[in-house]
């Protein structure tokens, strides 16, 4: 059977996320983490700006506080994950970051008062066991940077909570506009004071990282506009495969058994 268009879009988004993360890992020895995140938001703003220019009303949110909270959660998740990438293999960091469904489920029950039945708790419990297998806490194989990946997953889970709230009143484009603008403003304050011009040889990698990350954002948004989230969710795990393949092809690192 042919892959539904929405599933194809999500697969493309996961591939672009993995490619952007691989490029970020490559650049961690050449640039600071805030600088890389700043460049990502520059590219995202470049795609949002024409839409806002034509329709300024896109910046009007009925829940601006939640929009800011979502932006800060997304931004924190990106900073923590790239910091983890600088110290551990791409596939391992990506696998640990997929602990986010565990935290999303717990926060949904605690904060949003959603009912979570036993099968769903069982599923996220098995997923968390998988994360522990990758982290190997208490063993010689444990990497302290894994804590950064877990923190990234927690920050992303908070962003998901805010996303659910703003989705009740705001459009996807409004949410993306807030994400782009607040992210760029925040990272400009953090990164620009100490930023150094990148070497010319790093510019292609920086551009490719920004384009891949920005493309991933729009692919994912477009996918979830076309199909139910519960149907698409399994396709998100394709990022693990893409991360493993890129980790092997670019860095010569293949996950252990």
C-alpha atoms as a PDB file:
ATOM      1  CA  UNK A   1       0.000   0.000   0.000  1.00  0.00           C
ATOM      2  CA  UNK A   2       1.135   3.537  -0.721  1.00  0.00           C
ATOM      3  CA  UNK A   3       2.253   5.628   2.252  1.00  0.00           C
ATOM      4  CA  UNK A   4      -0.425   8.281   2.998  1.00  0.00           C
ATOM      5  CA  UNK A   5       0.755  11.819   2.147  1.00  0.00           C
ATOM      6  CA  UNK A   6       0.637  12.907   5.809  1.00  0.00           C
ATOM      7  CA  UNK A   7       2.816   9.980   6.856  1.00  0.00           C
ATOM      8  CA  UNK A   8       5.263  10.819   4.079  1.00  0.00           C
ATOM      9  CA  UNK A   9       5.444  14.405   5.325  1.00  0.00           C
ATOM     10  CA  UNK A  10       6.159  13.241   8.875  1.00  0.00           C
ATOM     11  CA  UNK A  11       8.844  10.842   7.662  1.00  0.00           C
ATOM     12  CA  UNK A  12      10.439  13.728   5.756  1.00  0.00           C
ATOM     13  CA  UNK A  13      10.265  15.866   8.891  1.00  0.00           C
ATOM     14  CA  UNK A  14      11.941  13.215  11.045  1.00  0.00           C
ATOM     15  CA  UNK A  15      14.667  12.774   8.422  1.00  0.00           C
ATOM     16  CA  UNK A  16      15.279  16.537   8.381  1.00  0.00           C
ATOM     17  CA  UNK A  17      15.392  16.678  12.196  1.00  0.00           C
ATOM     18  CA  UNK A  18      18.006  13.904  12.239  1.00  0.00           C
ATOM     19  CA  UNK A  19      20.033  15.638   9.521  1.00  0.00           C
ATOM     20  CA  UNK A  20      19.923  18.950  11.399  1.00  0.00           C
ATOM     21  CA  UNK A  21      21.024  17.224  14.614  1.00  0.00           C
ATOM     22  CA  UNK A  22      23.892  15.484  12.799  1.00  0.00           C
ATOM     23  CA  UNK A  23      25.080  18.817  11.427  1.00  0.00           C
ATOM     24  CA  UNK A  24      24.730  20.384  14.890  1.00  0.00           C
ATOM     25  CA  UNK A  25      26.880  17.614  16.350  1.00  0.00           C
ATOM     26  CA  UNK A  26      29.485  18.261  13.646  1.00  0.00           C
ATOM     27  CA  UNK A  27      29.473  21.987  14.496  1.00  0.00           C
ATOM     28  CA  UNK A  28      29.753  21.575  18.286  1.00  0.00           C
ATOM     29  CA  UNK A  29      33.551  21.701  18.042  1.00  0.00           C
ATOM     30  CA  UNK A  30      33.407  24.891  15.970  1.00  0.00           C
ATOM     31  CA  UNK A  31      30.586  26.943  17.510  1.00  0.00           C
ATOM     32  CA  UNK A  32      28.861  27.420  20.842  1.00  0.00           C
ATOM     33  CA  UNK A  33      25.452  25.862  21.472  1.00  0.00           C
ATOM     34  CA  UNK A  34      23.631  29.249  21.701  1.00  0.00           C
ATOM     35  CA  UNK A  35      25.136  30.312  18.364  1.00  0.00           C
ATOM     36  CA  UNK A  36      23.845  27.198  16.609  1.00  0.00           C
ATOM     37  CA  UNK A  37      20.358  27.583  18.070  1.00  0.00           C
ATOM     38  CA  UNK A  38      20.380  31.273  17.055  1.00  0.00           C
ATOM     39  CA  UNK A  39      21.102  30.361  13.437  1.00  0.00           C
ATOM     40  CA  UNK A  40      18.235  27.842  13.474  1.00  0.00           C
ATOM     41  CA  UNK A  41      15.783  30.516  14.565  1.00  0.00           C
ATOM     42  CA  UNK A  42      17.103  32.957  11.980  1.00  0.00           C
ATOM     43  CA  UNK A  43      16.056  30.528   9.238  1.00  0.00           C
ATOM     44  CA  UNK A  44      12.674  29.911  10.877  1.00  0.00           C
ATOM     45  CA  UNK A  45      11.969  33.643  11.097  1.00  0.00           C
ATOM     46  CA  UNK A  46      12.913  33.974   7.416  1.00  0.00           C
ATOM     47  CA  UNK A  47      10.019  31.651   6.514  1.00  0.00           C
ATOM     48  CA  UNK A  48       7.560  33.244   8.952  1.00  0.00           C
ATOM     49  CA  UNK A  49       8.310  36.908   8.170  1.00  0.00           C
ATOM     50  CA  UNK A  50       6.539  37.020   4.752  1.00  0.00           C
ATOM     51  CA  UNK A  51       3.390  35.505   6.275  1.00  0.00           C
ATOM     52  CA  UNK A  52       3.326  38.001   9.141  1.00  0.00           C
ATOM     53  CA  UNK A  53       4.084  40.868   6.761  1.00  0.00           C
ATOM     54  CA  UNK A  54       1.015  40.002   4.675  1.00  0.00           C
ATOM     55  CA  UNK A  55      -1.183  39.276   7.701  1.00  0.00           C
ATOM     56  CA  UNK A  56      -0.072  41.020  10.937  1.00  0.00           C
ATOM     57  CA  UNK A  57      -3.094  39.561  12.738  1.00  0.00           C
ATOM     58  CA  UNK A  58      -1.187  36.267  12.933  1.00  0.00           C
ATOM     59  CA  UNK A  59       0.680  37.733  15.916  1.00  0.00           C
ATOM     60  CA  UNK A  60      -2.527  38.133  17.895  1.00  0.00           C
ATOM     61  CA  UNK A  61      -2.869  35.305  20.384  1.00  0.00           C
ATOM     62  CA  UNK A  62      -5.690  34.741  22.820  1.00  0.00           C
ATOM     63  CA  UNK A  63      -3.258  33.039  25.187  1.00  0.00           C
ATOM     64  CA  UNK A  64       0.063  34.923  24.908  1.00  0.00           C
ATOM     65  CA  UNK A  65       1.339  33.667  28.284  1.00  0.00           C
ATOM     66  CA  UNK A  66       0.972  30.050  27.186  1.00  0.00           C
ATOM     67  CA  UNK A  67       2.571  30.914  23.834  1.00  0.00           C
ATOM     68  CA  UNK A  68       5.626  32.304  25.644  1.00  0.00           C
ATOM     69  CA  UNK A  69       5.750  29.215  27.862  1.00  0.00           C
ATOM     70  CA  UNK A  70       5.671  26.974  24.812  1.00  0.00           C
ATOM     71  CA  UNK A  71       8.456  28.952  23.168  1.00  0.00           C
ATOM     72  CA  UNK A  72      10.684  28.752  26.237  1.00  0.00           C
ATOM     73  CA  UNK A  73      10.067  25.013  26.566  1.00  0.00           C
ATOM     74  CA  UNK A  74      10.941  24.424  22.913  1.00  0.00           C
ATOM     75  CA  UNK A  75      14.009  26.642  23.180  1.00  0.00           C
ATOM     76  CA  UNK A  76      15.265  24.944  26.354  1.00  0.00           C
ATOM     77  CA  UNK A  77      14.786  21.547  24.761  1.00  0.00           C
ATOM     78  CA  UNK A  78      16.894  22.554  21.738  1.00  0.00           C
ATOM     79  CA  UNK A  79      19.706  24.018  23.865  1.00  0.00           C
ATOM     80  CA  UNK A  80      19.896  20.970  26.147  1.00  0.00           C
ATOM     81  CA  UNK A  81      19.769  18.478  23.288  1.00  0.00           C
ATOM     82  CA  UNK A  82      22.535  20.120  21.278  1.00  0.00           C
ATOM     83  CA  UNK A  83      24.642  20.295  24.459  1.00  0.00           C
ATOM     84  CA  UNK A  84      24.115  16.541  24.862  1.00  0.00           C
ATOM     85  CA  UNK A  85      25.064  15.924  21.223  1.00  0.00           C
ATOM     86  CA  UNK A  86      28.458  17.459  21.869  1.00  0.00           C
ATOM     87  CA  UNK A  87      29.265  14.692  24.353  1.00  0.00           C
ATOM     88  CA  UNK A  88      27.530  11.531  23.138  1.00  0.00           C
ATOM     89  CA  UNK A  89      26.608   9.670  19.922  1.00  0.00           C
ATOM     90  CA  UNK A  90      23.714  10.974  17.848  1.00  0.00           C
ATOM     91  CA  UNK A  91      21.636   7.780  17.995  1.00  0.00           C
ATOM     92  CA  UNK A  92      21.963   7.414  21.786  1.00  0.00           C
ATOM     93  CA  UNK A  93      21.038  11.046  22.440  1.00  0.00           C
ATOM     94  CA  UNK A  94      18.029  10.752  20.105  1.00  0.00           C
ATOM     95  CA  UNK A  95      16.849   7.545  21.787  1.00  0.00           C
ATOM     96  CA  UNK A  96      17.047   9.097  25.254  1.00  0.00           C
ATOM     97  CA  UNK A  97      15.223  12.213  24.057  1.00  0.00           C
ATOM     98  CA  UNK A  98      12.326   9.920  23.125  1.00  0.00           C
ATOM     99  CA  UNK A  99      11.597   9.700  26.846  1.00  0.00           C
ATOM    100  CA  UNK A 100       9.363  12.713  26.210  1.00  0.00           C
ATOM    101  CA  UNK A 101       6.174  10.571  25.758  1.00  0.00           C
ATOM    102  CA  UNK A 102       6.664   9.330  29.333  1.00  0.00           C
ATOM    103  CA  UNK A 103       6.759  12.882  30.680  1.00  0.00           C
ATOM    104  CA  UNK A 104       3.923  14.021  28.388  1.00  0.00           C
ATOM    105  CA  UNK A 105       1.687  11.240  29.703  1.00  0.00           C
ATOM    106  CA  UNK A 106       2.520  12.013  33.337  1.00  0.00           C
ATOM    107  CA  UNK A 107       2.007  15.757  32.898  1.00  0.00           C
ATOM    108  CA  UNK A 108      -1.245  15.179  31.007  1.00  0.00           C
ATOM    109  CA  UNK A 109      -2.592  13.295  34.007  1.00  0.00           C
ATOM    110  CA  UNK A 110      -1.236  15.717  36.620  1.00  0.00           C
ATOM    111  CA  UNK A 111      -1.721  19.111  34.955  1.00  0.00           C
ATOM    112  CA  UNK A 112      -4.422  18.627  32.330  1.00  0.00           C
ATOM    113  CA  UNK A 113      -6.344  16.054  34.410  1.00  0.00           C
ATOM    114  CA  UNK A 114      -6.628  13.751  31.408  1.00  0.00           C
ATOM    115  CA  UNK A 115      -7.612  10.158  32.025  1.00  0.00           C
ATOM    116  CA  UNK A 116      -4.782   7.729  31.270  1.00  0.00           C
ATOM    117  CA  UNK A 117      -5.839   4.088  31.173  1.00  0.00           C
ATOM    118  CA  UNK A 118      -3.680   1.111  32.141  1.00  0.00           C
ATOM    119  CA  UNK A 119      -2.629   0.128  28.588  1.00  0.00           C
ATOM    120  CA  UNK A 120      -1.238   3.620  27.973  1.00  0.00           C
ATOM    121  CA  UNK A 121       0.638   3.569  31.282  1.00  0.00           C
ATOM    122  CA  UNK A 122       2.034   0.162  30.312  1.00  0.00           C
ATOM    123  CA  UNK A 123       3.168   1.459  26.933  1.00  0.00           C
ATOM    124  CA  UNK A 124       4.980   4.496  28.357  1.00  0.00           C
ATOM    125  CA  UNK A 125       6.427   2.310  31.114  1.00  0.00           C
ATOM    126  CA  UNK A 126       7.975  -0.025  28.541  1.00  0.00           C
ATOM    127  CA  UNK A 127       9.258   3.013  26.668  1.00  0.00           C
ATOM    128  CA  UNK A 128      10.919   4.321  29.828  1.00  0.00           C
ATOM    129  CA  UNK A 129      12.590   0.940  30.377  1.00  0.00           C
ATOM    130  CA  UNK A 130      13.972   1.280  26.863  1.00  0.00           C
ATOM    131  CA  UNK A 131      15.409   4.691  27.734  1.00  0.00           C
ATOM    132  CA  UNK A 132      17.077   3.218  30.851  1.00  0.00           C
ATOM    133  CA  UNK A 133      18.616   0.466  28.712  1.00  0.00           C
ATOM    134  CA  UNK A 134      20.184   3.108  26.469  1.00  0.00           C
ATOM    135  CA  UNK A 135      21.343   5.266  29.411  1.00  0.00           C
ATOM    136  CA  UNK A 136      22.695   2.337  31.492  1.00  0.00           C
ATOM    137  CA  UNK A 137      22.709   4.320  34.759  1.00  0.00           C
ATOM    138  CA  UNK A 138      25.102   3.017  37.391  1.00  0.00           C
ATOM    139  CA  UNK A 139      27.315   1.252  34.842  1.00  0.00           C
ATOM    140  CA  UNK A 140      30.660   2.196  33.343  1.00  0.00           C
ATOM    141  CA  UNK A 141      28.862   2.901  30.061  1.00  0.00           C
ATOM    142  CA  UNK A 142      26.755   5.680  31.602  1.00  0.00           C
ATOM    143  CA  UNK A 143      27.459   9.133  30.186  1.00  0.00           C
ATOM    144  CA  UNK A 144      26.646  12.191  32.334  1.00  0.00           C
ATOM    145  CA  UNK A 145      25.557  13.968  29.147  1.00  0.00           C
ATOM    146  CA  UNK A 146      22.583  11.584  29.091  1.00  0.00           C
ATOM    147  CA  UNK A 147      21.088  13.734  31.863  1.00  0.00           C
ATOM    148  CA  UNK A 148      21.049  16.650  29.406  1.00  0.00           C
ATOM    149  CA  UNK A 149      19.097  14.542  26.906  1.00  0.00           C
ATOM    150  CA  UNK A 150      16.571  13.600  29.604  1.00  0.00           C
ATOM    151  CA  UNK A 151      16.243  17.257  30.614  1.00  0.00           C
ATOM    152  CA  UNK A 152      15.668  18.086  26.951  1.00  0.00           C
ATOM    153  CA  UNK A 153      12.844  15.534  26.872  1.00  0.00           C
ATOM    154  CA  UNK A 154      11.304  17.078  29.995  1.00  0.00           C
ATOM    155  CA  UNK A 155      11.467  20.581  28.510  1.00  0.00           C
ATOM    156  CA  UNK A 156       9.841  19.314  25.323  1.00  0.00           C
ATOM    157  CA  UNK A 157       7.075  17.670  27.364  1.00  0.00           C
ATOM    158  CA  UNK A 158       6.317  21.044  28.981  1.00  0.00           C
ATOM    159  CA  UNK A 159       6.223  22.614  25.530  1.00  0.00           C
ATOM    160  CA  UNK A 160       3.689  19.969  24.466  1.00  0.00           C
ATOM    161  CA  UNK A 161       1.491  20.870  27.463  1.00  0.00           C
ATOM    162  CA  UNK A 162       1.481  24.512  26.421  1.00  0.00           C
ATOM    163  CA  UNK A 163       0.907  23.507  22.793  1.00  0.00           C
ATOM    164  CA  UNK A 164      -2.271  21.685  23.755  1.00  0.00           C
ATOM    165  CA  UNK A 165      -3.544  24.776  25.546  1.00  0.00           C
ATOM    166  CA  UNK A 166      -2.799  27.261  22.742  1.00  0.00           C
ATOM    167  CA  UNK A 167      -4.268  24.905  20.145  1.00  0.00           C
ATOM    168  CA  UNK A 168      -7.682  25.550  21.712  1.00  0.00           C
ATOM    169  CA  UNK A 169      -7.701  29.168  20.499  1.00  0.00           C
ATOM    170  CA  UNK A 170      -4.743  29.926  18.192  1.00  0.00           C
ATOM    171  CA  UNK A 171      -3.901  28.774  14.667  1.00  0.00           C
ATOM    172  CA  UNK A 172      -0.819  26.754  13.789  1.00  0.00           C
ATOM    173  CA  UNK A 173       0.679  29.723  11.949  1.00  0.00           C
ATOM    174  CA  UNK A 174       0.194  31.966  14.989  1.00  0.00           C
ATOM    175  CA  UNK A 175       1.955  29.414  17.177  1.00  0.00           C
ATOM    176  CA  UNK A 176       4.807  29.090  14.676  1.00  0.00           C
ATOM    177  CA  UNK A 177       5.113  32.887  14.514  1.00  0.00           C
ATOM    178  CA  UNK A 178       5.463  33.144  18.282  1.00  0.00           C
ATOM    179  CA  UNK A 179       7.952  30.271  18.296  1.00  0.00           C
ATOM    180  CA  UNK A 180      10.125  31.925  15.649  1.00  0.00           C
ATOM    181  CA  UNK A 181      10.065  35.491  16.946  1.00  0.00           C
ATOM    182  CA  UNK A 182      10.406  34.823  20.686  1.00  0.00           C
ATOM    183  CA  UNK A 183      13.073  32.211  20.010  1.00  0.00           C
ATOM    184  CA  UNK A 184      15.116  34.615  17.883  1.00  0.00           C
ATOM    185  CA  UNK A 185      14.748  37.509  20.354  1.00  0.00           C
ATOM    186  CA  UNK A 186      15.762  35.331  23.303  1.00  0.00           C
ATOM    187  CA  UNK A 187      18.713  33.736  21.546  1.00  0.00           C
ATOM    188  CA  UNK A 188      19.890  37.089  20.184  1.00  0.00           C
ATOM    189  CA  UNK A 189      20.207  38.354  23.760  1.00  0.00           C
ATOM    190  CA  UNK A 190      22.130  35.219  24.749  1.00  0.00           C
ATOM    191  CA  UNK A 191      24.290  34.521  21.702  1.00  0.00           C
ATOM    192  CA  UNK A 192      25.057  37.823  19.983  1.00  0.00           C
ATOM    193  CA  UNK A 193      27.151  39.525  22.731  1.00  0.00           C
ATOM    194  CA  UNK A 194      29.857  36.845  22.492  1.00  0.00           C
ATOM    195  CA  UNK A 195      29.272  35.611  18.936  1.00  0.00           C
ATOM    196  CA  UNK A 196      32.199  35.292  16.563  1.00  0.00           C
ATOM    197  CA  UNK A 197      31.843  35.178  12.796  1.00  0.00           C
ATOM    198  CA  UNK A 198      31.961  31.534  11.667  1.00  0.00           C
ATOM    199  CA  UNK A 199      34.737  30.326   9.413  1.00  0.00           C
ATOM    200  CA  UNK A 200      33.832  30.374   5.741  1.00  0.00           C
ATOM    201  CA  UNK A 201      34.322  26.635   5.586  1.00  0.00           C
ATOM    202  CA  UNK A 202      31.572  26.139   8.202  1.00  0.00           C
ATOM    203  CA  UNK A 203      28.989  28.290   6.431  1.00  0.00           C
ATOM    204  CA  UNK A 204      27.610  25.465   4.203  1.00  0.00           C
ATOM    205  CA  UNK A 205      27.086  23.244   7.266  1.00  0.00           C
ATOM    206  CA  UNK A 206      25.394  26.106   9.154  1.00  0.00           C
ATOM    207  CA  UNK A 207      23.071  26.857   6.233  1.00  0.00           C
ATOM    208  CA  UNK A 208      22.257  23.167   5.764  1.00  0.00           C
ATOM    209  CA  UNK A 209      21.545  22.779   9.505  1.00  0.00           C
ATOM    210  CA  UNK A 210      19.190  25.773   9.496  1.00  0.00           C
ATOM    211  CA  UNK A 211      17.383  24.743   6.316  1.00  0.00           C
ATOM    212  CA  UNK A 212      16.967  21.139   7.527  1.00  0.00           C
ATOM    213  CA  UNK A 213      15.612  22.201  10.939  1.00  0.00           C
ATOM    214  CA  UNK A 214      13.259  24.783   9.439  1.00  0.00           C
ATOM    215  CA  UNK A 215      12.021  22.293   6.829  1.00  0.00           C
ATOM    216  CA  UNK A 216      11.394  19.725   9.566  1.00  0.00           C
ATOM    217  CA  UNK A 217       9.230  22.185  11.500  1.00  0.00           C
ATOM    218  CA  UNK A 218       6.986  22.829   8.500  1.00  0.00           C
ATOM    219  CA  UNK A 219       6.856  19.175   7.411  1.00  0.00           C
ATOM    220  CA  UNK A 220       5.668  18.129  10.868  1.00  0.00           C
ATOM    221  CA  UNK A 221       3.087  20.912  11.128  1.00  0.00           C
ATOM    222  CA  UNK A 222       1.755  20.080   7.653  1.00  0.00           C
ATOM    223  CA  UNK A 223       1.540  16.376   8.510  1.00  0.00           C
ATOM    224  CA  UNK A 224      -0.468  16.899  11.682  1.00  0.00           C
ATOM    225  CA  UNK A 225      -2.833  19.217   9.839  1.00  0.00           C
ATOM    226  CA  UNK A 226      -3.722  16.360   7.482  1.00  0.00           C
ATOM    227  CA  UNK A 227      -4.085  13.329   9.776  1.00  0.00           C
ATOM    228  CA  UNK A 228      -4.978  12.352  13.329  1.00  0.00           C
ATOM    229  CA  UNK A 229      -2.040  12.586  15.729  1.00  0.00           C
ATOM    230  CA  UNK A 230      -2.543   9.078  17.134  1.00  0.00           C
ATOM    231  CA  UNK A 231      -2.259   7.616  13.622  1.00  0.00           C
ATOM    232  CA  UNK A 232       0.897   9.558  12.811  1.00  0.00           C
ATOM    233  CA  UNK A 233       2.682   9.159  16.153  1.00  0.00           C
ATOM    234  CA  UNK A 234       4.405   5.812  15.361  1.00  0.00           C
ATOM    235  CA  UNK A 235       6.049   7.330  12.290  1.00  0.00           C
ATOM    236  CA  UNK A 236       7.918   9.770  14.575  1.00  0.00           C
ATOM    237  CA  UNK A 237      10.094   6.890  15.761  1.00  0.00           C
ATOM    238  CA  UNK A 238      11.640   6.780  12.286  1.00  0.00           C
ATOM    239  CA  UNK A 239      13.935   9.534  13.595  1.00  0.00           C
ATOM    240  CA  UNK A 240      15.745   6.844  15.605  1.00  0.00           C
ATOM    241  CA  UNK A 241      16.560   4.972  12.397  1.00  0.00           C
ATOM    242  CA  UNK A 242      17.659   8.113  10.565  1.00  0.00           C
ATOM    243  CA  UNK A 243      19.813   9.158  13.548  1.00  0.00           C
ATOM    244  CA  UNK A 244      21.477   5.738  13.713  1.00  0.00           C
ATOM    245  CA  UNK A 245      22.224   5.729   9.978  1.00  0.00           C
ATOM    246  CA  UNK A 246      23.616   9.275  10.025  1.00  0.00           C
ATOM    247  CA  UNK A 247      25.635   8.548  13.165  1.00  0.00           C
ATOM    248  CA  UNK A 248      27.230   5.601  11.372  1.00  0.00           C
ATOM    249  CA  UNK A 249      27.709   7.332   8.015  1.00  0.00           C
ATOM    250  CA  UNK A 250      29.052  10.661   9.351  1.00  0.00           C
ATOM    251  CA  UNK A 251      30.700   9.804  12.668  1.00  0.00           C
ATOM    252  CA  UNK A 252      31.387   6.083  12.362  1.00  0.00           C
ATOM    253  CA  UNK A 253      29.306   5.354  15.468  1.00  0.00           C
ATOM    254  CA  UNK A 254      26.843   2.459  15.483  1.00  0.00           C
ATOM    255  CA  UNK A 255      24.624   1.693  18.510  1.00  0.00           C
ATOM    256  CA  UNK A 256      25.639  -1.318  20.576  1.00  0.00           C
ATOM    257  CA  UNK A 257      23.356  -4.309  21.079  1.00  0.00           C
END
